[in-house]
Amino acid sequence: MKEEQRFYSNIVEVESNLFDFILHFGNRDREQAQKGEFDSLATVFMSPQHAKLLASILQNHVQMYEKNFGALPAIELHAQKV
């Protein structure tokens, strides 16, 4: 059986088209952030339906987290890849 790969990601870029959502997970430091670069760790492809379900699941978990630990501060998006 193949061993599960685990990693920490502090950035994700999202692309979409008619058939797929594509999530590029990675890590970047301050220098890379200034250049708009990051080290890619994994790319995940999923259907739009699956992406919508994932968004709902993540929203529910964020709400539970904030209920238990307090509100998370808003983070301004500096760049958005469309």
PDB file of N, CA and C in Angstrom:
ATOM      1  N   MET A   1       0.837  -1.181   0.000  1.00  0.00           N
ATOM      2  CA  MET A   1       0.000   0.000   0.000  1.00  0.00           C
ATOM      3  C   MET A   1       0.881   1.243   0.000  1.00  0.00           C
ATOM      4  N   LYS A   2       0.518   2.218  -0.819  1.00  0.00           N
ATOM      5  CA  LYS A   2       1.298   3.440  -0.940  1.00  0.00           C
ATOM      6  C   LYS A   2       1.159   4.297   0.314  1.00  0.00           C
ATOM      7  N   GLU A   3       2.289   4.818   0.795  1.00  0.00           N
ATOM      8  CA  GLU A   3       2.284   5.648   1.997  1.00  0.00           C
ATOM      9  C   GLU A   3       1.713   7.030   1.680  1.00  0.00           C
ATOM     10  N   GLU A   4       0.870   7.517   2.570  1.00  0.00           N
ATOM     11  CA  GLU A   4       0.258   8.836   2.412  1.00  0.00           C
ATOM     12  C   GLU A   4       1.319   9.925   2.521  1.00  0.00           C
ATOM     13  N   GLN A   5       1.251  10.899   1.620  1.00  0.00           N
ATOM     14  CA  GLN A   5       2.149  12.043   1.684  1.00  0.00           C
ATOM     15  C   GLN A   5       1.480  13.153   2.481  1.00  0.00           C
ATOM     16  N   ARG A   6       2.235  13.768   3.379  1.00  0.00           N
ATOM     17  CA  ARG A   6       1.718  14.870   4.191  1.00  0.00           C
ATOM     18  C   ARG A   6       2.657  16.055   4.063  1.00  0.00           C
ATOM     19  N   PHE A   7       2.081  17.247   4.048  1.00  0.00           N
ATOM     20  CA  PHE A   7       2.878  18.457   3.968  1.00  0.00           C
ATOM     21  C   PHE A   7       2.072  19.630   4.495  1.00  0.00           C
ATOM     22  N   TYR A   8       2.775  20.708   4.814  1.00  0.00           N
ATOM     23  CA  TYR A   8       2.144  21.945   5.253  1.00  0.00           C
ATOM     24  C   TYR A   8       2.180  22.926   4.094  1.00  0.00           C
ATOM     25  N   SER A   9       1.075  23.605   3.853  1.00  0.00           N
ATOM     26  CA  SER A   9       0.982  24.592   2.788  1.00  0.00           C
ATOM     27  C   SER A   9       0.554  25.929   3.372  1.00  0.00           C
ATOM     28  N   ASN A  10       1.249  27.006   2.981  1.00  0.00           N
ATOM     29  CA  ASN A  10       0.832  28.335   3.415  1.00  0.00           C
ATOM     30  C   ASN A  10       0.340  29.191   2.253  1.00  0.00           C
ATOM     31  N   ILE A  11       0.150  28.555   1.093  1.00  0.00           N
ATOM     32  CA  ILE A  11      -0.415  29.251  -0.060  1.00  0.00           C
ATOM     33  C   ILE A  11      -1.130  28.243  -0.951  1.00  0.00           C
ATOM     34  N   VAL A  12      -2.201  28.693  -1.555  1.00  0.00           N
ATOM     35  CA  VAL A  12      -2.889  27.885  -2.565  1.00  0.00           C
ATOM     36  C   VAL A  12      -3.349  28.816  -3.680  1.00  0.00           C
ATOM     37  N   GLU A  13      -3.079  28.423  -4.906  1.00  0.00           N
ATOM     38  CA  GLU A  13      -3.587  29.134  -6.074  1.00  0.00           C
ATOM     39  C   GLU A  13      -4.672  28.264  -6.685  1.00  0.00           C
ATOM     40  N   VAL A  14      -5.734  28.905  -7.137  1.00  0.00           N
ATOM     41  CA  VAL A  14      -6.880  28.172  -7.677  1.00  0.00           C
ATOM     42  C   VAL A  14      -7.124  28.603  -9.114  1.00  0.00           C
ATOM     43  N   GLU A  15      -7.303  27.627  -9.970  1.00  0.00           N
ATOM     44  CA  GLU A  15      -7.705  27.857 -11.357  1.00  0.00           C
ATOM     45  C   GLU A  15      -9.004  27.099 -11.586  1.00  0.00           C
ATOM     46  N   SER A  16      -9.765  27.533 -12.573  1.00  0.00           N
ATOM     47  CA  SER A  16     -10.977  26.786 -12.911  1.00  0.00           C
ATOM     48  C   SER A  16     -11.271  26.932 -14.393  1.00  0.00           C
ATOM     49  N   ASN A  17     -11.972  25.937 -14.902  1.00  0.00           N
ATOM     50  CA  ASN A  17     -12.491  25.979 -16.259  1.00  0.00           C
ATOM     51  C   ASN A  17     -13.848  25.292 -16.231  1.00  0.00           C
ATOM     52  N   LEU A  18     -14.428  25.049 -17.361  1.00  0.00           N
ATOM     53  CA  LEU A  18     -15.769  24.473 -17.422  1.00  0.00           C
ATOM     54  C   LEU A  18     -15.868  23.138 -16.689  1.00  0.00           C
ATOM     55  N   PHE A  19     -14.813  22.343 -16.723  1.00  0.00           N
ATOM     56  CA  PHE A  19     -14.879  20.979 -16.206  1.00  0.00           C
ATOM     57  C   PHE A  19     -14.135  20.733 -14.896  1.00  0.00           C
ATOM     58  N   ASP A  20     -13.181  21.593 -14.552  1.00  0.00           N
ATOM     59  CA  ASP A  20     -12.313  21.309 -13.409  1.00  0.00           C
ATOM     60  C   ASP A  20     -12.018  22.541 -12.566  1.00  0.00           C
ATOM     61  N   PHE A  21     -11.736  22.290 -11.291  1.00  0.00           N
ATOM     62  CA  PHE A  21     -11.076  23.245 -10.412  1.00  0.00           C
ATOM     63  C   PHE A  21      -9.698  22.659 -10.147  1.00  0.00           C
ATOM     64  N   ILE A  22      -8.685  23.502 -10.178  1.00  0.00           N
ATOM     65  CA  ILE A  22      -7.313  23.052 -10.006  1.00  0.00           C
ATOM     66  C   ILE A  22      -6.711  23.847  -8.856  1.00  0.00           C
ATOM     67  N   LEU A  23      -6.276  23.141  -7.815  1.00  0.00           N
ATOM     68  CA  LEU A  23      -5.697  23.777  -6.633  1.00  0.00           C
ATOM     69  C   LEU A  23      -4.212  23.453  -6.587  1.00  0.00           C
ATOM     70  N   HIS A  24      -3.385  24.498  -6.609  1.00  0.00           N
ATOM     71  CA  HIS A  24      -1.934  24.353  -6.527  1.00  0.00           C
ATOM     72  C   HIS A  24      -1.515  24.717  -5.104  1.00  0.00           C
ATOM     73  N   PHE A  25      -1.101  23.737  -4.315  1.00  0.00           N
ATOM     74  CA  PHE A  25      -0.677  23.955  -2.933  1.00  0.00           C
ATOM     75  C   PHE A  25       0.834  24.120  -2.888  1.00  0.00           C
ATOM     76  N   GLY A  26       1.295  25.018  -2.008  1.00  0.00           N
ATOM     77  CA  GLY A  26       2.727  25.222  -1.899  1.00  0.00           C
ATOM     78  C   GLY A  26       3.129  25.959  -0.645  1.00  0.00           C
ATOM     79  N   ASN A  27       4.404  26.284  -0.594  1.00  0.00           N
ATOM     80  CA  ASN A  27       4.984  27.072   0.491  1.00  0.00           C
ATOM     81  C   ASN A  27       5.735  28.241  -0.118  1.00  0.00           C
ATOM     82  N   ARG A  28       5.729  29.367   0.605  1.00  0.00           N
ATOM     83  CA  ARG A  28       6.554  30.481   0.175  1.00  0.00           C
ATOM     84  C   ARG A  28       6.996  31.293   1.375  1.00  0.00           C
ATOM     85  N   ASP A  29       8.180  31.861   1.233  1.00  0.00           N
ATOM     86  CA  ASP A  29       8.708  32.735   2.270  1.00  0.00           C
ATOM     87  C   ASP A  29       8.480  34.188   1.850  1.00  0.00           C
ATOM     88  N   ARG A  30       8.935  35.118   2.668  1.00  0.00           N
ATOM     89  CA  ARG A  30       8.692  36.545   2.386  1.00  0.00           C
ATOM     90  C   ARG A  30       9.313  36.984   1.065  1.00  0.00           C
ATOM     91  N   GLU A  31      10.515  36.521   0.794  1.00  0.00           N
ATOM     92  CA  GLU A  31      11.184  36.896  -0.453  1.00  0.00           C
ATOM     93  C   GLU A  31      10.395  36.396  -1.663  1.00  0.00           C
ATOM     94  N   GLN A  32       9.934  35.161  -1.601  1.00  0.00           N
ATOM     95  CA  GLN A  32       9.134  34.616  -2.695  1.00  0.00           C
ATOM     96  C   GLN A  32       7.816  35.371  -2.821  1.00  0.00           C
ATOM     97  N   ALA A  33       7.221  35.750  -1.699  1.00  0.00           N
ATOM     98  CA  ALA A  33       5.953  36.479  -1.719  1.00  0.00           C
ATOM     99  C   ALA A  33       6.111  37.805  -2.446  1.00  0.00           C
ATOM    100  N   GLN A  34       7.225  38.493  -2.228  1.00  0.00           N
ATOM    101  CA  GLN A  34       7.462  39.771  -2.899  1.00  0.00           C
ATOM    102  C   GLN A  34       7.583  39.593  -4.406  1.00  0.00           C
ATOM    103  N   LYS A  35       8.058  38.427  -4.836  1.00  0.00           N
ATOM    104  CA  LYS A  35       8.221  38.137  -6.260  1.00  0.00           C
ATOM    105  C   LYS A  35       6.993  37.452  -6.855  1.00  0.00           C
ATOM    106  N   GLY A  36       6.014  37.103  -6.012  1.00  0.00           N
ATOM    107  CA  GLY A  36       4.841  36.383  -6.496  1.00  0.00           C
ATOM    108  C   GLY A  36       5.136  34.932  -6.835  1.00  0.00           C
ATOM    109  N   GLU A  37       6.136  34.354  -6.179  1.00  0.00           N
ATOM    110  CA  GLU A  37       6.549  32.977  -6.443  1.00  0.00           C
ATOM    111  C   GLU A  37       6.270  32.096  -5.233  1.00  0.00           C
ATOM    112  N   PHE A  38       6.281  30.781  -5.440  1.00  0.00           N
ATOM    113  CA  PHE A  38       6.205  29.833  -4.332  1.00  0.00           C
ATOM    114  C   PHE A  38       6.715  28.476  -4.791  1.00  0.00           C
ATOM    115  N   ASP A  39       7.075  27.646  -3.829  1.00  0.00           N
ATOM    116  CA  ASP A  39       7.518  26.281  -4.106  1.00  0.00           C
ATOM    117  C   ASP A  39       6.293  25.377  -4.157  1.00  0.00           C
ATOM    118  N   SER A  40       6.045  24.784  -5.308  1.00  0.00           N
ATOM    119  CA  SER A  40       4.880  23.922  -5.486  1.00  0.00           C
ATOM    120  C   SER A  40       5.083  22.590  -4.773  1.00  0.00           C
ATOM    121  N   LEU A  41       4.047  22.153  -4.039  1.00  0.00           N
ATOM    122  CA  LEU A  41       4.094  20.879  -3.324  1.00  0.00           C
ATOM    123  C   LEU A  41       3.182  19.833  -3.952  1.00  0.00           C
ATOM    124  N   ALA A  42       1.989  20.267  -4.360  1.00  0.00           N
ATOM    125  CA  ALA A  42       1.015  19.327  -4.918  1.00  0.00           C
ATOM    126  C   ALA A  42      -0.037  20.089  -5.706  1.00  0.00           C
ATOM    127  N   THR A  43      -0.587  19.440  -6.706  1.00  0.00           N
ATOM    128  CA  THR A  43      -1.692  19.989  -7.481  1.00  0.00           C
ATOM    129  C   THR A  43      -2.845  19.005  -7.402  1.00  0.00           C
ATOM    130  N   VAL A  44      -4.030  19.525  -7.078  1.00  0.00           N
ATOM    131  CA  VAL A  44      -5.225  18.697  -6.929  1.00  0.00           C
ATOM    132  C   VAL A  44      -6.265  19.157  -7.939  1.00  0.00           C
ATOM    133  N   PHE A  45      -6.788  18.219  -8.715  1.00  0.00           N
ATOM    134  CA  PHE A  45      -7.851  18.496  -9.673  1.00  0.00           C
ATOM    135  C   PHE A  45      -9.153  17.947  -9.106  1.00  0.00           C
ATOM    136  N   MET A  46     -10.243  18.691  -9.255  1.00  0.00           N
ATOM    137  CA  MET A  46     -11.550  18.194  -8.825  1.00  0.00           C
ATOM    138  C   MET A  46     -12.643  18.807  -9.684  1.00  0.00           C
ATOM    139  N   SER A  47     -13.801  18.166  -9.657  1.00  0.00           N
ATOM    140  CA  SER A  47     -14.945  18.666 -10.412  1.00  0.00           C
ATOM    141  C   SER A  47     -15.485  19.931  -9.752  1.00  0.00           C
ATOM    142  N   PRO A  48     -16.203  20.779 -10.512  1.00  0.00           N
ATOM    143  CA  PRO A  48     -16.835  21.955  -9.904  1.00  0.00           C
ATOM    144  C   PRO A  48     -17.780  21.578  -8.763  1.00  0.00           C
ATOM    145  N   GLN A  49     -18.484  20.460  -8.897  1.00  0.00           N
ATOM    146  CA  GLN A  49     -19.401  20.023  -7.846  1.00  0.00           C
ATOM    147  C   GLN A  49     -18.641  19.679  -6.567  1.00  0.00           C
ATOM    148  N   HIS A  50     -17.528  18.994  -6.720  1.00  0.00           N
ATOM    149  CA  HIS A  50     -16.705  18.634  -5.570  1.00  0.00           C
ATOM    150  C   HIS A  50     -16.115  19.894  -4.934  1.00  0.00           C
ATOM    151  N   ALA A  51     -15.684  20.848  -5.762  1.00  0.00           N
ATOM    152  CA  ALA A  51     -15.128  22.102  -5.242  1.00  0.00           C
ATOM    153  C   ALA A  51     -16.169  22.870  -4.435  1.00  0.00           C
ATOM    154  N   LYS A  52     -17.410  22.880  -4.904  1.00  0.00           N
ATOM    155  CA  LYS A  52     -18.482  23.570  -4.168  1.00  0.00           C
ATOM    156  C   LYS A  52     -18.728  22.891  -2.825  1.00  0.00           C
ATOM    157  N   LEU A  53     -18.729  21.566  -2.812  1.00  0.00           N
ATOM    158  CA  LEU A  53     -18.899  20.825  -1.563  1.00  0.00           C
ATOM    159  C   LEU A  53     -17.727  21.089  -0.616  1.00  0.00           C
ATOM    160  N   LEU A  54     -16.506  21.089  -1.134  1.00  0.00           N
ATOM    161  CA  LEU A  54     -15.329  21.376  -0.318  1.00  0.00           C
ATOM    162  C   LEU A  54     -15.415  22.776   0.284  1.00  0.00           C
ATOM    163  N   ALA A  55     -15.850  23.762  -0.503  1.00  0.00           N
ATOM    164  CA  ALA A  55     -15.994  25.132   0.006  1.00  0.00           C
ATOM    165  C   ALA A  55     -16.975  25.174   1.173  1.00  0.00           C
ATOM    166  N   SER A  56     -18.072  24.452   1.061  1.00  0.00           N
ATOM    167  CA  SER A  56     -19.070  24.400   2.132  1.00  0.00           C
ATOM    168  C   SER A  56     -18.507  23.729   3.385  1.00  0.00           C
ATOM    169  N   ILE A  57     -17.791  22.633   3.201  1.00  0.00           N
ATOM    170  CA  ILE A  57     -17.191  21.924   4.334  1.00  0.00           C
ATOM    171  C   ILE A  57     -16.169  22.812   5.038  1.00  0.00           C
ATOM    172  N   LEU A  58     -15.326  23.492   4.269  1.00  0.00           N
ATOM    173  CA  LEU A  58     -14.332  24.390   4.865  1.00  0.00           C
ATOM    174  C   LEU A  58     -15.001  25.530   5.627  1.00  0.00           C
ATOM    175  N   GLN A  59     -16.057  26.104   5.059  1.00  0.00           N
ATOM    176  CA  GLN A  59     -16.776  27.188   5.736  1.00  0.00           C
ATOM    177  C   GLN A  59     -17.343  26.706   7.071  1.00  0.00           C
ATOM    178  N   ASN A  60     -17.920  25.517   7.082  1.00  0.00           N
ATOM    179  CA  ASN A  60     -18.452  24.959   8.333  1.00  0.00           C
ATOM    180  C   ASN A  60     -17.350  24.771   9.375  1.00  0.00           C
ATOM    181  N   HIS A  61     -16.195  24.296   8.950  1.00  0.00           N
ATOM    182  CA  HIS A  61     -15.096  24.081   9.890  1.00  0.00           C
ATOM    183  C   HIS A  61     -14.528  25.401  10.410  1.00  0.00           C
ATOM    184  N   VAL A  62     -14.477  26.418   9.566  1.00  0.00           N
ATOM    185  CA  VAL A  62     -14.024  27.736  10.026  1.00  0.00           C
ATOM    186  C   VAL A  62     -14.996  28.279  11.069  1.00  0.00           C
ATOM    187  N   GLN A  63     -16.291  28.123  10.830  1.00  0.00           N
ATOM    188  CA  GLN A  63     -17.288  28.580  11.810  1.00  0.00           C
ATOM    189  C   GLN A  63     -17.132  27.849  13.141  1.00  0.00           C
ATOM    190  N   MET A  64     -16.911  26.540  13.105  1.00  0.00           N
ATOM    191  CA  MET A  64     -16.703  25.779  14.346  1.00  0.00           C
ATOM    192  C   MET A  64     -15.422  26.228  15.051  1.00  0.00           C
ATOM    193  N   TYR A  65     -14.368  26.462  14.285  1.00  0.00           N
ATOM    194  CA  TYR A  65     -13.104  26.924  14.855  1.00  0.00           C
ATOM    195  C   TYR A  65     -13.316  28.251  15.578  1.00  0.00           C
ATOM    196  N   GLU A  66     -13.992  29.199  14.914  1.00  0.00           N
ATOM    197  CA  GLU A  66     -14.219  30.515  15.512  1.00  0.00           C
ATOM    198  C   GLU A  66     -15.123  30.432  16.738  1.00  0.00           C
ATOM    199  N   LYS A  67     -16.054  29.515  16.733  1.00  0.00           N
ATOM    200  CA  LYS A  67     -16.910  29.325  17.903  1.00  0.00           C
ATOM    201  C   LYS A  67     -16.077  28.857  19.099  1.00  0.00           C
ATOM    202  N   ASN A  68     -15.118  27.982  18.854  1.00  0.00           N
ATOM    203  CA  ASN A  68     -14.292  27.423  19.924  1.00  0.00           C
ATOM    204  C   ASN A  68     -13.124  28.317  20.340  1.00  0.00           C
ATOM    205  N   PHE A  69     -12.550  29.049  19.384  1.00  0.00           N
ATOM    206  CA  PHE A  69     -11.299  29.759  19.657  1.00  0.00           C
ATOM    207  C   PHE A  69     -11.358  31.269  19.424  1.00  0.00           C
ATOM    208  N   GLY A  70     -12.469  31.776  18.942  1.00  0.00           N
ATOM    209  CA  GLY A  70     -12.585  33.210  18.677  1.00  0.00           C
ATOM    210  C   GLY A  70     -12.432  33.520  17.194  1.00  0.00           C
ATOM    211  N   ALA A  71     -12.898  34.699  16.846  1.00  0.00           N
ATOM    212  CA  ALA A  71     -12.918  35.113  15.441  1.00  0.00           C
ATOM    213  C   ALA A  71     -11.510  35.227  14.866  1.00  0.00           C
ATOM    214  N   LEU A  72     -11.381  34.793  13.640  1.00  0.00           N
ATOM    215  CA  LEU A  72     -10.133  34.959  12.906  1.00  0.00           C
ATOM    216  C   LEU A  72     -10.124  36.351  12.276  1.00  0.00           C
ATOM    217  N   PRO A  73      -8.973  37.010  12.243  1.00  0.00           N
ATOM    218  CA  PRO A  73      -8.927  38.330  11.612  1.00  0.00           C
ATOM    219  C   PRO A  73      -9.106  38.205  10.103  1.00  0.00           C
ATOM    220  N   ALA A  74      -9.708  39.225   9.518  1.00  0.00           N
ATOM    221  CA  ALA A  74      -9.861  39.256   8.063  1.00  0.00           C
ATOM    222  C   ALA A  74      -8.488  39.430   7.426  1.00  0.00           C
ATOM    223  N   ILE A  75      -8.271  38.770   6.307  1.00  0.00           N
ATOM    224  CA  ILE A  75      -7.007  38.871   5.586  1.00  0.00           C
ATOM    225  C   ILE A  75      -7.302  39.448   4.209  1.00  0.00           C
ATOM    226  N   GLU A  76      -6.588  40.498   3.865  1.00  0.00           N
ATOM    227  CA  GLU A  76      -6.766  41.138   2.564  1.00  0.00           C
ATOM    228  C   GLU A  76      -6.048  40.323   1.494  1.00  0.00           C
ATOM    229  N   LEU A  77      -6.743  40.063   0.400  1.00  0.00           N
ATOM    230  CA  LEU A  77      -6.122  39.365  -0.722  1.00  0.00           C
ATOM    231  C   LEU A  77      -5.329  40.375  -1.532  1.00  0.00           C
ATOM    232  N   HIS A  78      -4.033  40.104  -1.738  1.00  0.00           N
ATOM    233  CA  HIS A  78      -3.184  41.033  -2.480  1.00  0.00           C
ATOM    234  C   HIS A  78      -3.178  40.730  -3.971  1.00  0.00           C
ATOM    235  N   ALA A  79      -3.393  39.501  -4.328  1.00  0.00           N
ATOM    236  CA  ALA A  79      -3.393  39.115  -5.733  1.00  0.00           C
ATOM    237  C   ALA A  79      -4.392  37.995  -5.921  1.00  0.00           C
ATOM    238  N   GLN A  80      -5.031  38.022  -7.069  1.00  0.00           N
ATOM    239  CA  GLN A  80      -5.998  36.972  -7.359  1.00  0.00           C
ATOM    240  C   GLN A  80      -5.767  36.499  -8.774  1.00  0.00           C
ATOM    241  N   LYS A  81      -5.515  35.219  -8.934  1.00  0.00           N
ATOM    242  CA  LYS A  81      -5.318  34.625 -10.247  1.00  0.00           C
ATOM    243  C   LYS A  81      -6.674  34.191 -10.769  1.00  0.00           C
ATOM    244  N   VAL A  82      -7.050  34.701 -11.909  1.00  0.00           N
ATOM    245  CA  VAL A  82      -8.361  34.369 -12.477  1.00  0.00           C
ATOM    246  C   VAL A  82      -8.180  33.589 -13.745  1.00  0.00           C
TER     247      VAL A  82
END
